[in-house]
Amino acid sequence: RRFIANASHELRTPLATQRAAIQVGLDDSVPEPVKQVLLDTNRRSERLIDGLLVLARSERGLEEREAVRLREVVEEECEAYGVEVSGA
């Protein structure tokens, strides 16, 4: 439990600092789309760390599994970054 608490703090603190720097610290010379990409990447990192910490807390592993359509996930991410997906 102590390890998880320490890991949680050590992993989340830098992300919170980065988020604040992106939201407040970047001046107006940085284009808004760049700021948004940085914030989106930061949020994904936070969700990943939260998920890993949940797994670390669990001694039983995953309680439920969910099928994921990888194509839909890839298309969604490509769309978010303005990358065109060709049908294959």
PDB file of N, CA and C in Angstrom:
ATOM      1  N   ARG A   1       0.826  -1.204   0.000  1.00  0.00           N
ATOM      2  CA  ARG A   1       0.000   0.000   0.000  1.00  0.00           C
ATOM      3  C   ARG A   1       0.862   1.256   0.000  1.00  0.00           C
ATOM      4  N   ARG A   2       1.931   1.221   0.765  1.00  0.00           N
ATOM      5  CA  ARG A   2       2.810   2.389   0.821  1.00  0.00           C
ATOM      6  C   ARG A   2       3.447   2.651  -0.544  1.00  0.00           C
ATOM      7  N   PHE A   3       3.855   1.567  -1.217  1.00  0.00           N
ATOM      8  CA  PHE A   3       4.442   1.731  -2.547  1.00  0.00           C
ATOM      9  C   PHE A   3       3.443   2.394  -3.492  1.00  0.00           C
ATOM     10  N   ILE A   4       2.209   1.925  -3.471  1.00  0.00           N
ATOM     11  CA  ILE A   4       1.190   2.474  -4.369  1.00  0.00           C
ATOM     12  C   ILE A   4       0.951   3.946  -4.051  1.00  0.00           C
ATOM     13  N   ALA A   5       0.899   4.281  -2.782  1.00  0.00           N
ATOM     14  CA  ALA A   5       0.696   5.683  -2.408  1.00  0.00           C
ATOM     15  C   ALA A   5       1.862   6.544  -2.884  1.00  0.00           C
ATOM     16  N   ASN A   6       3.080   6.056  -2.679  1.00  0.00           N
ATOM     17  CA  ASN A   6       4.258   6.804  -3.127  1.00  0.00           C
ATOM     18  C   ASN A   6       4.306   6.908  -4.646  1.00  0.00           C
ATOM     19  N   ALA A   7       4.028   5.792  -5.322  1.00  0.00           N
ATOM     20  CA  ALA A   7       4.038   5.795  -6.786  1.00  0.00           C
ATOM     21  C   ALA A   7       2.977   6.748  -7.317  1.00  0.00           C
ATOM     22  N   SER A   8       1.817   6.717  -6.702  1.00  0.00           N
ATOM     23  CA  SER A   8       0.736   7.601  -7.123  1.00  0.00           C
ATOM     24  C   SER A   8       1.175   9.061  -7.047  1.00  0.00           C
ATOM     25  N   HIS A   9       1.752   9.429  -5.936  1.00  0.00           N
ATOM     26  CA  HIS A   9       2.203  10.810  -5.752  1.00  0.00           C
ATOM     27  C   HIS A   9       3.305  11.150  -6.754  1.00  0.00           C
ATOM     28  N   GLU A  10       4.290  10.278  -6.879  1.00  0.00           N
ATOM     29  CA  GLU A  10       5.438  10.554  -7.743  1.00  0.00           C
ATOM     30  C   GLU A  10       5.054  10.605  -9.216  1.00  0.00           C
ATOM     31  N   LEU A  11       4.045   9.862  -9.606  1.00  0.00           N
ATOM     32  CA  LEU A  11       3.629   9.849 -11.006  1.00  0.00           C
ATOM     33  C   LEU A  11       2.658  10.978 -11.324  1.00  0.00           C
ATOM     34  N   ARG A  12       1.789  11.291 -10.405  1.00  0.00           N
ATOM     35  CA  ARG A  12       0.765  12.309 -10.675  1.00  0.00           C
ATOM     36  C   ARG A  12       1.278  13.738 -10.535  1.00  0.00           C
ATOM     37  N   THR A  13       2.197  13.980  -9.622  1.00  0.00           N
ATOM     38  CA  THR A  13       2.680  15.340  -9.383  1.00  0.00           C
ATOM     39  C   THR A  13       3.294  15.973 -10.632  1.00  0.00           C
ATOM     40  N   PRO A  14       4.190  15.287 -11.339  1.00  0.00           N
ATOM     41  CA  PRO A  14       4.745  15.916 -12.549  1.00  0.00           C
ATOM     42  C   PRO A  14       3.676  16.197 -13.610  1.00  0.00           C
ATOM     43  N   LEU A  15       2.695  15.323 -13.723  1.00  0.00           N
ATOM     44  CA  LEU A  15       1.640  15.549 -14.700  1.00  0.00           C
ATOM     45  C   LEU A  15       0.788  16.762 -14.328  1.00  0.00           C
ATOM     46  N   ALA A  16       0.513  16.919 -13.059  1.00  0.00           N
ATOM     47  CA  ALA A  16      -0.246  18.095 -12.617  1.00  0.00           C
ATOM     48  C   ALA A  16       0.547  19.371 -12.886  1.00  0.00           C
ATOM     49  N   THR A  17       1.840  19.317 -12.659  1.00  0.00           N
ATOM     50  CA  THR A  17       2.702  20.464 -12.921  1.00  0.00           C
ATOM     51  C   THR A  17       2.728  20.789 -14.411  1.00  0.00           C
ATOM     52  N   GLN A  18       2.839  19.749 -15.238  1.00  0.00           N
ATOM     53  CA  GLN A  18       2.833  19.952 -16.687  1.00  0.00           C
ATOM     54  C   GLN A  18       1.518  20.566 -17.142  1.00  0.00           C
ATOM     55  N   ARG A  19       0.405  20.047 -16.632  1.00  0.00           N
ATOM     56  CA  ARG A  19      -0.903  20.559 -17.013  1.00  0.00           C
ATOM     57  C   ARG A  19      -1.021  22.045 -16.666  1.00  0.00           C
ATOM     58  N   ALA A  20      -0.583  22.409 -15.467  1.00  0.00           N
ATOM     59  CA  ALA A  20      -0.634  23.816 -15.061  1.00  0.00           C
ATOM     60  C   ALA A  20       0.247  24.673 -15.964  1.00  0.00           C
ATOM     61  N   ALA A  21       1.414  24.170 -16.301  1.00  0.00           N
ATOM     62  CA  ALA A  21       2.313  24.925 -17.178  1.00  0.00           C
ATOM     63  C   ALA A  21       1.694  25.125 -18.552  1.00  0.00           C
ATOM     64  N   ILE A  22       1.019  24.108 -19.045  1.00  0.00           N
ATOM     65  CA  ILE A  22       0.378  24.215 -20.355  1.00  0.00           C
ATOM     66  C   ILE A  22      -0.770  25.219 -20.294  1.00  0.00           C
ATOM     67  N   GLN A  23      -1.596  25.111 -19.267  1.00  0.00           N
ATOM     68  CA  GLN A  23      -2.786  25.960 -19.166  1.00  0.00           C
ATOM     69  C   GLN A  23      -2.451  27.410 -18.862  1.00  0.00           C
ATOM     70  N   VAL A  24      -1.450  27.640 -18.036  1.00  0.00           N
ATOM     71  CA  VAL A  24      -1.168  28.988 -17.568  1.00  0.00           C
ATOM     72  C   VAL A  24       0.142  29.536 -18.131  1.00  0.00           C
ATOM     73  N   GLY A  25       1.149  28.686 -18.163  1.00  0.00           N
ATOM     74  CA  GLY A  25       2.502  29.163 -18.438  1.00  0.00           C
ATOM     75  C   GLY A  25       2.837  29.451 -19.881  1.00  0.00           C
ATOM     76  N   LEU A  26       2.143  28.850 -20.832  1.00  0.00           N
ATOM     77  CA  LEU A  26       2.481  29.100 -22.225  1.00  0.00           C
ATOM     78  C   LEU A  26       1.889  30.431 -22.665  1.00  0.00           C
ATOM     79  N   ASP A  27       2.733  31.257 -23.249  1.00  0.00           N
ATOM     80  CA  ASP A  27       2.238  32.582 -23.654  1.00  0.00           C
ATOM     81  C   ASP A  27       1.438  32.502 -24.951  1.00  0.00           C
ATOM     82  N   ASP A  28       0.957  33.630 -25.377  1.00  0.00           N
ATOM     83  CA  ASP A  28       0.083  33.697 -26.543  1.00  0.00           C
ATOM     84  C   ASP A  28       0.793  33.399 -27.853  1.00  0.00           C
ATOM     85  N   SER A  29       2.116  33.331 -27.848  1.00  0.00           N
ATOM     86  CA  SER A  29       2.826  33.033 -29.085  1.00  0.00           C
ATOM     87  C   SER A  29       2.718  31.558 -29.463  1.00  0.00           C
ATOM     88  N   VAL A  30       2.311  30.718 -28.504  1.00  0.00           N
ATOM     89  CA  VAL A  30       2.126  29.294 -28.780  1.00  0.00           C
ATOM     90  C   VAL A  30       0.721  29.107 -29.344  1.00  0.00           C
ATOM     91  N   PRO A  31       0.622  28.525 -30.547  1.00  0.00           N
ATOM     92  CA  PRO A  31      -0.704  28.357 -31.162  1.00  0.00           C
ATOM     93  C   PRO A  31      -1.615  27.475 -30.309  1.00  0.00           C
ATOM     94  N   GLU A  32      -2.897  27.815 -30.310  1.00  0.00           N
ATOM     95  CA  GLU A  32      -3.885  27.079 -29.514  1.00  0.00           C
ATOM     96  C   GLU A  32      -3.906  25.582 -29.842  1.00  0.00           C
ATOM     97  N   PRO A  33      -3.807  25.181 -31.125  1.00  0.00           N
ATOM     98  CA  PRO A  33      -3.795  23.741 -31.416  1.00  0.00           C
ATOM     99  C   PRO A  33      -2.628  23.002 -30.748  1.00  0.00           C
ATOM    100  N   VAL A  34      -1.499  23.666 -30.632  1.00  0.00           N
ATOM    101  CA  VAL A  34      -0.345  23.043 -29.965  1.00  0.00           C
ATOM    102  C   VAL A  34      -0.649  22.849 -28.489  1.00  0.00           C
ATOM    103  N   LYS A  35      -1.228  23.872 -27.870  1.00  0.00           N
ATOM    104  CA  LYS A  35      -1.601  23.760 -26.457  1.00  0.00           C
ATOM    105  C   LYS A  35      -2.591  22.614 -26.259  1.00  0.00           C
ATOM    106  N   GLN A  36      -3.552  22.495 -27.179  1.00  0.00           N
ATOM    107  CA  GLN A  36      -4.567  21.444 -27.049  1.00  0.00           C
ATOM    108  C   GLN A  36      -3.954  20.059 -27.171  1.00  0.00           C
ATOM    109  N   VAL A  37      -3.020  19.869 -28.087  1.00  0.00           N
ATOM    110  CA  VAL A  37      -2.341  18.577 -28.229  1.00  0.00           C
ATOM    111  C   VAL A  37      -1.591  18.243 -26.943  1.00  0.00           C
ATOM    112  N   LEU A  38      -0.914  19.231 -26.378  1.00  0.00           N
ATOM    113  CA  LEU A  38      -0.186  19.005 -25.122  1.00  0.00           C
ATOM    114  C   LEU A  38      -1.141  18.617 -23.992  1.00  0.00           C
ATOM    115  N   LEU A  39      -2.265  19.315 -23.897  1.00  0.00           N
ATOM    116  CA  LEU A  39      -3.245  18.991 -22.849  1.00  0.00           C
ATOM    117  C   LEU A  39      -3.844  17.607 -23.063  1.00  0.00           C
ATOM    118  N   ASP A  40      -4.165  17.262 -24.302  1.00  0.00           N
ATOM    119  CA  ASP A  40      -4.732  15.941 -24.594  1.00  0.00           C
ATOM    120  C   ASP A  40      -3.743  14.835 -24.243  1.00  0.00           C
ATOM    121  N   THR A  41      -2.487  15.038 -24.590  1.00  0.00           N
ATOM    122  CA  THR A  41      -1.452  14.046 -24.265  1.00  0.00           C
ATOM    123  C   THR A  41      -1.302  13.913 -22.757  1.00  0.00           C
ATOM    124  N   ASN A  42      -1.348  15.027 -22.069  1.00  0.00           N
ATOM    125  CA  ASN A  42      -1.250  15.023 -20.610  1.00  0.00           C
ATOM    126  C   ASN A  42      -2.421  14.251 -19.996  1.00  0.00           C
ATOM    127  N   ARG A  43      -3.631  14.473 -20.502  1.00  0.00           N
ATOM    128  CA  ARG A  43      -4.814  13.767 -19.976  1.00  0.00           C
ATOM    129  C   ARG A  43      -4.711  12.261 -20.215  1.00  0.00           C
ATOM    130  N   ARG A  44      -4.226  11.872 -21.392  1.00  0.00           N
ATOM    131  CA  ARG A  44      -4.063  10.438 -21.669  1.00  0.00           C
ATOM    132  C   ARG A  44      -3.051   9.814 -20.712  1.00  0.00           C
ATOM    133  N   SER A  45      -1.978  10.535 -20.441  1.00  0.00           N
ATOM    134  CA  SER A  45      -0.982  10.039 -19.489  1.00  0.00           C
ATOM    135  C   SER A  45      -1.589   9.889 -18.099  1.00  0.00           C
ATOM    136  N   GLU A  46      -2.411  10.850 -17.693  1.00  0.00           N
ATOM    137  CA  GLU A  46      -3.066  10.762 -16.390  1.00  0.00           C
ATOM    138  C   GLU A  46      -3.989   9.548 -16.324  1.00  0.00           C
ATOM    139  N   ARG A  47      -4.759   9.308 -17.393  1.00  0.00           N
ATOM    140  CA  ARG A  47      -5.655   8.143 -17.406  1.00  0.00           C
ATOM    141  C   ARG A  47      -4.872   6.840 -17.376  1.00  0.00           C
ATOM    142  N   LEU A  48      -3.755   6.800 -18.092  1.00  0.00           N
ATOM    143  CA  LEU A  48      -2.920   5.600 -18.095  1.00  0.00           C
ATOM    144  C   LEU A  48      -2.379   5.324 -16.696  1.00  0.00           C
ATOM    145  N   ILE A  49      -1.874   6.344 -16.044  1.00  0.00           N
ATOM    146  CA  ILE A  49      -1.346   6.172 -14.689  1.00  0.00           C
ATOM    147  C   ILE A  49      -2.452   5.752 -13.735  1.00  0.00           C
ATOM    148  N   ASP A  50      -3.620   6.369 -13.839  1.00  0.00           N
ATOM    149  CA  ASP A  50      -4.747   5.962 -12.987  1.00  0.00           C
ATOM    150  C   ASP A  50      -5.086   4.487 -13.198  1.00  0.00           C
ATOM    151  N   GLY A  51      -5.122   4.055 -14.439  1.00  0.00           N
ATOM    152  CA  GLY A  51      -5.419   2.651 -14.738  1.00  0.00           C
ATOM    153  C   GLY A  51      -4.372   1.708 -14.181  1.00  0.00           C
ATOM    154  N   LEU A  52      -3.116   2.078 -14.323  1.00  0.00           N
ATOM    155  CA  LEU A  52      -2.035   1.245 -13.790  1.00  0.00           C
ATOM    156  C   LEU A  52      -2.094   1.167 -12.273  1.00  0.00           C
ATOM    157  N   LEU A  53      -2.434   2.257 -11.628  1.00  0.00           N
ATOM    158  CA  LEU A  53      -2.541   2.246 -10.167  1.00  0.00           C
ATOM    159  C   LEU A  53      -3.720   1.401  -9.701  1.00  0.00           C
ATOM    160  N   VAL A  54      -4.808   1.429 -10.443  1.00  0.00           N
ATOM    161  CA  VAL A  54      -5.945   0.564 -10.109  1.00  0.00           C
ATOM    162  C   VAL A  54      -5.525  -0.899 -10.203  1.00  0.00           C
ATOM    163  N   LEU A  55      -4.806  -1.239 -11.263  1.00  0.00           N
ATOM    164  CA  LEU A  55      -4.329  -2.622 -11.404  1.00  0.00           C
ATOM    165  C   LEU A  55      -3.372  -2.994 -10.275  1.00  0.00           C
ATOM    166  N   ALA A  56      -2.511  -2.062  -9.886  1.00  0.00           N
ATOM    167  CA  ALA A  56      -1.559  -2.338  -8.815  1.00  0.00           C
ATOM    168  C   ALA A  56      -2.265  -2.586  -7.486  1.00  0.00           C
ATOM    169  N   ARG A  57      -3.393  -1.883  -7.274  1.00  0.00           N
ATOM    170  CA  ARG A  57      -4.139  -2.052  -6.024  1.00  0.00           C
ATOM    171  C   ARG A  57      -4.871  -3.388  -5.972  1.00  0.00           C
ATOM    172  N   SER A  58      -5.176  -3.907  -7.102  1.00  0.00           N
ATOM    173  CA  SER A  58      -5.984  -5.119  -7.163  1.00  0.00           C
ATOM    174  C   SER A  58      -5.107  -6.356  -7.068  1.00  0.00           C
ATOM    175  N   GLU A  59      -5.448  -7.237  -6.176  1.00  0.00           N
ATOM    176  CA  GLU A  59      -4.718  -8.495  -6.068  1.00  0.00           C
ATOM    177  C   GLU A  59      -5.334  -9.561  -6.962  1.00  0.00           C
ATOM    178  N   ARG A  60      -6.537  -9.308  -7.439  1.00  0.00           N
ATOM    179  CA  ARG A  60      -7.244 -10.294  -8.257  1.00  0.00           C
ATOM    180  C   ARG A  60      -7.092 -10.048  -9.749  1.00  0.00           C
ATOM    181  N   GLY A  61      -6.482  -8.955 -10.138  1.00  0.00           N
ATOM    182  CA  GLY A  61      -6.388  -8.632 -11.555  1.00  0.00           C
ATOM    183  C   GLY A  61      -7.640  -7.908 -12.010  1.00  0.00           C
ATOM    184  N   LEU A  62      -7.929  -7.989 -13.274  1.00  0.00           N
ATOM    185  CA  LEU A  62      -9.089  -7.297 -13.830  1.00  0.00           C
ATOM    186  C   LEU A  62     -10.378  -7.997 -13.436  1.00  0.00           C
ATOM    187  N   GLU A  63     -11.355  -7.217 -13.015  1.00  0.00           N
ATOM    188  CA  GLU A  63     -12.650  -7.789 -12.669  1.00  0.00           C
ATOM    189  C   GLU A  63     -13.495  -8.018 -13.900  1.00  0.00           C
ATOM    190  N   GLU A  64     -13.379  -7.156 -14.864  1.00  0.00           N
ATOM    191  CA  GLU A  64     -14.131  -7.340 -16.095  1.00  0.00           C
ATOM    192  C   GLU A  64     -13.272  -6.940 -17.283  1.00  0.00           C
ATOM    193  N   ARG A  65     -13.556  -7.569 -18.381  1.00  0.00           N
ATOM    194  CA  ARG A  65     -12.844  -7.276 -19.617  1.00  0.00           C
ATOM    195  C   ARG A  65     -13.844  -6.775 -20.637  1.00  0.00           C
ATOM    196  N   GLU A  66     -13.351  -5.976 -21.530  1.00  0.00           N
ATOM    197  CA  GLU A  66     -14.217  -5.408 -22.548  1.00  0.00           C
ATOM    198  C   GLU A  66     -13.500  -5.489 -23.892  1.00  0.00           C
ATOM    199  N   ALA A  67     -14.206  -6.013 -24.881  1.00  0.00           N
ATOM    200  CA  ALA A  67     -13.643  -6.073 -26.223  1.00  0.00           C
ATOM    201  C   ALA A  67     -13.542  -4.653 -26.779  1.00  0.00           C
ATOM    202  N   VAL A  68     -12.467  -4.390 -27.479  1.00  0.00           N
ATOM    203  CA  VAL A  68     -12.241  -3.073 -28.063  1.00  0.00           C
ATOM    204  C   VAL A  68     -11.995  -3.246 -29.551  1.00  0.00           C
ATOM    205  N   ARG A  69     -12.682  -2.444 -30.333  1.00  0.00           N
ATOM    206  CA  ARG A  69     -12.466  -2.464 -31.783  1.00  0.00           C
ATOM    207  C   ARG A  69     -11.300  -1.530 -32.074  1.00  0.00           C
ATOM    208  N   LEU A  70     -10.159  -2.140 -32.327  1.00  0.00           N
ATOM    209  CA  LEU A  70      -8.927  -1.383 -32.498  1.00  0.00           C
ATOM    210  C   LEU A  70      -9.040  -0.379 -33.649  1.00  0.00           C
ATOM    211  N   ARG A  71      -9.683  -0.773 -34.728  1.00  0.00           N
ATOM    212  CA  ARG A  71      -9.824   0.126 -35.872  1.00  0.00           C
ATOM    213  C   ARG A  71     -10.512   1.429 -35.451  1.00  0.00           C
ATOM    214  N   GLU A  72     -11.568   1.329 -34.641  1.00  0.00           N
ATOM    215  CA  GLU A  72     -12.289   2.519 -34.204  1.00  0.00           C
ATOM    216  C   GLU A  72     -11.408   3.412 -33.326  1.00  0.00           C
ATOM    217  N   VAL A  73     -10.615   2.794 -32.477  1.00  0.00           N
ATOM    218  CA  VAL A  73      -9.727   3.558 -31.608  1.00  0.00           C
ATOM    219  C   VAL A  73      -8.687   4.296 -32.447  1.00  0.00           C
ATOM    220  N   VAL A  74      -8.104   3.597 -33.414  1.00  0.00           N
ATOM    221  CA  VAL A  74      -7.088   4.211 -34.266  1.00  0.00           C
ATOM    222  C   VAL A  74      -7.693   5.346 -35.084  1.00  0.00           C
ATOM    223  N   GLU A  75      -8.870   5.108 -35.658  1.00  0.00           N
ATOM    224  CA  GLU A  75      -9.523   6.155 -36.446  1.00  0.00           C
ATOM    225  C   GLU A  75      -9.819   7.389 -35.590  1.00  0.00           C
ATOM    226  N   GLU A  76     -10.284   7.164 -34.369  1.00  0.00           N
ATOM    227  CA  GLU A  76     -10.598   8.276 -33.465  1.00  0.00           C
ATOM    228  C   GLU A  76      -9.349   9.091 -33.140  1.00  0.00           C
ATOM    229  N   GLU A  77      -8.250   8.406 -32.854  1.00  0.00           N
ATOM    230  CA  GLU A  77      -7.005   9.103 -32.537  1.00  0.00           C
ATOM    231  C   GLU A  77      -6.459   9.842 -33.754  1.00  0.00           C
ATOM    232  N   CYS A  78      -6.532   9.217 -34.913  1.00  0.00           N
ATOM    233  CA  CYS A  78      -6.063   9.878 -36.135  1.00  0.00           C
ATOM    234  C   CYS A  78      -6.891  11.129 -36.411  1.00  0.00           C
ATOM    235  N   GLU A  79      -8.188  11.017 -36.245  1.00  0.00           N
ATOM    236  CA  GLU A  79      -9.074  12.165 -36.454  1.00  0.00           C
ATOM    237  C   GLU A  79      -8.729  13.298 -35.487  1.00  0.00           C
ATOM    238  N   ALA A  80      -8.427  12.944 -34.246  1.00  0.00           N
ATOM    239  CA  ALA A  80      -8.099  13.955 -33.240  1.00  0.00           C
ATOM    240  C   ALA A  80      -6.853  14.742 -33.627  1.00  0.00           C
ATOM    241  N   TYR A  81      -5.943  14.098 -34.370  1.00  0.00           N
ATOM    242  CA  TYR A  81      -4.701  14.758 -34.765  1.00  0.00           C
ATOM    243  C   TYR A  81      -4.704  15.188 -36.223  1.00  0.00           C
ATOM    244  N   GLY A  82      -5.866  15.079 -36.876  1.00  0.00           N
ATOM    245  CA  GLY A  82      -5.974  15.543 -38.254  1.00  0.00           C
ATOM    246  C   GLY A  82      -5.272  14.656 -39.266  1.00  0.00           C
ATOM    247  N   VAL A  83      -5.101  13.384 -38.926  1.00  0.00           N
ATOM    248  CA  VAL A  83      -4.467  12.435 -39.844  1.00  0.00           C
ATOM    249  C   VAL A  83      -5.568  11.676 -40.576  1.00  0.00           C
ATOM    250  N   GLU A  84      -5.471  11.658 -41.885  1.00  0.00           N
ATOM    251  CA  GLU A  84      -6.492  10.977 -42.666  1.00  0.00           C
ATOM    252  C   GLU A  84      -6.215   9.470 -42.680  1.00  0.00           C
ATOM    253  N   VAL A  85      -7.283   8.707 -42.490  1.00  0.00           N
ATOM    254  CA  VAL A  85      -7.176   7.247 -42.472  1.00  0.00           C
ATOM    255  C   VAL A  85      -7.684   6.729 -43.801  1.00  0.00           C
ATOM    256  N   SER A  86      -6.865   5.918 -44.457  1.00  0.00           N
ATOM    257  CA  SER A  86      -7.316   5.324 -45.717  1.00  0.00           C
ATOM    258  C   SER A  86      -7.989   3.997 -45.425  1.00  0.00           C
ATOM    259  N   GLY A  87      -9.069   3.700 -46.124  1.00  0.00           N
ATOM    260  CA  GLY A  87      -9.798   2.434 -45.902  1.00  0.00           C
ATOM    261  C   GLY A  87      -8.990   1.263 -46.408  1.00  0.00           C
ATOM    262  N   ALA A  88      -8.898   0.238 -45.585  1.00  0.00           N
ATOM    263  CA  ALA A  88      -8.145  -0.945 -45.986  1.00  0.00           C
ATOM    264  C   ALA A  88      -8.920  -2.185 -45.611  1.00  0.00           C
TER     265      ALA A  88
END
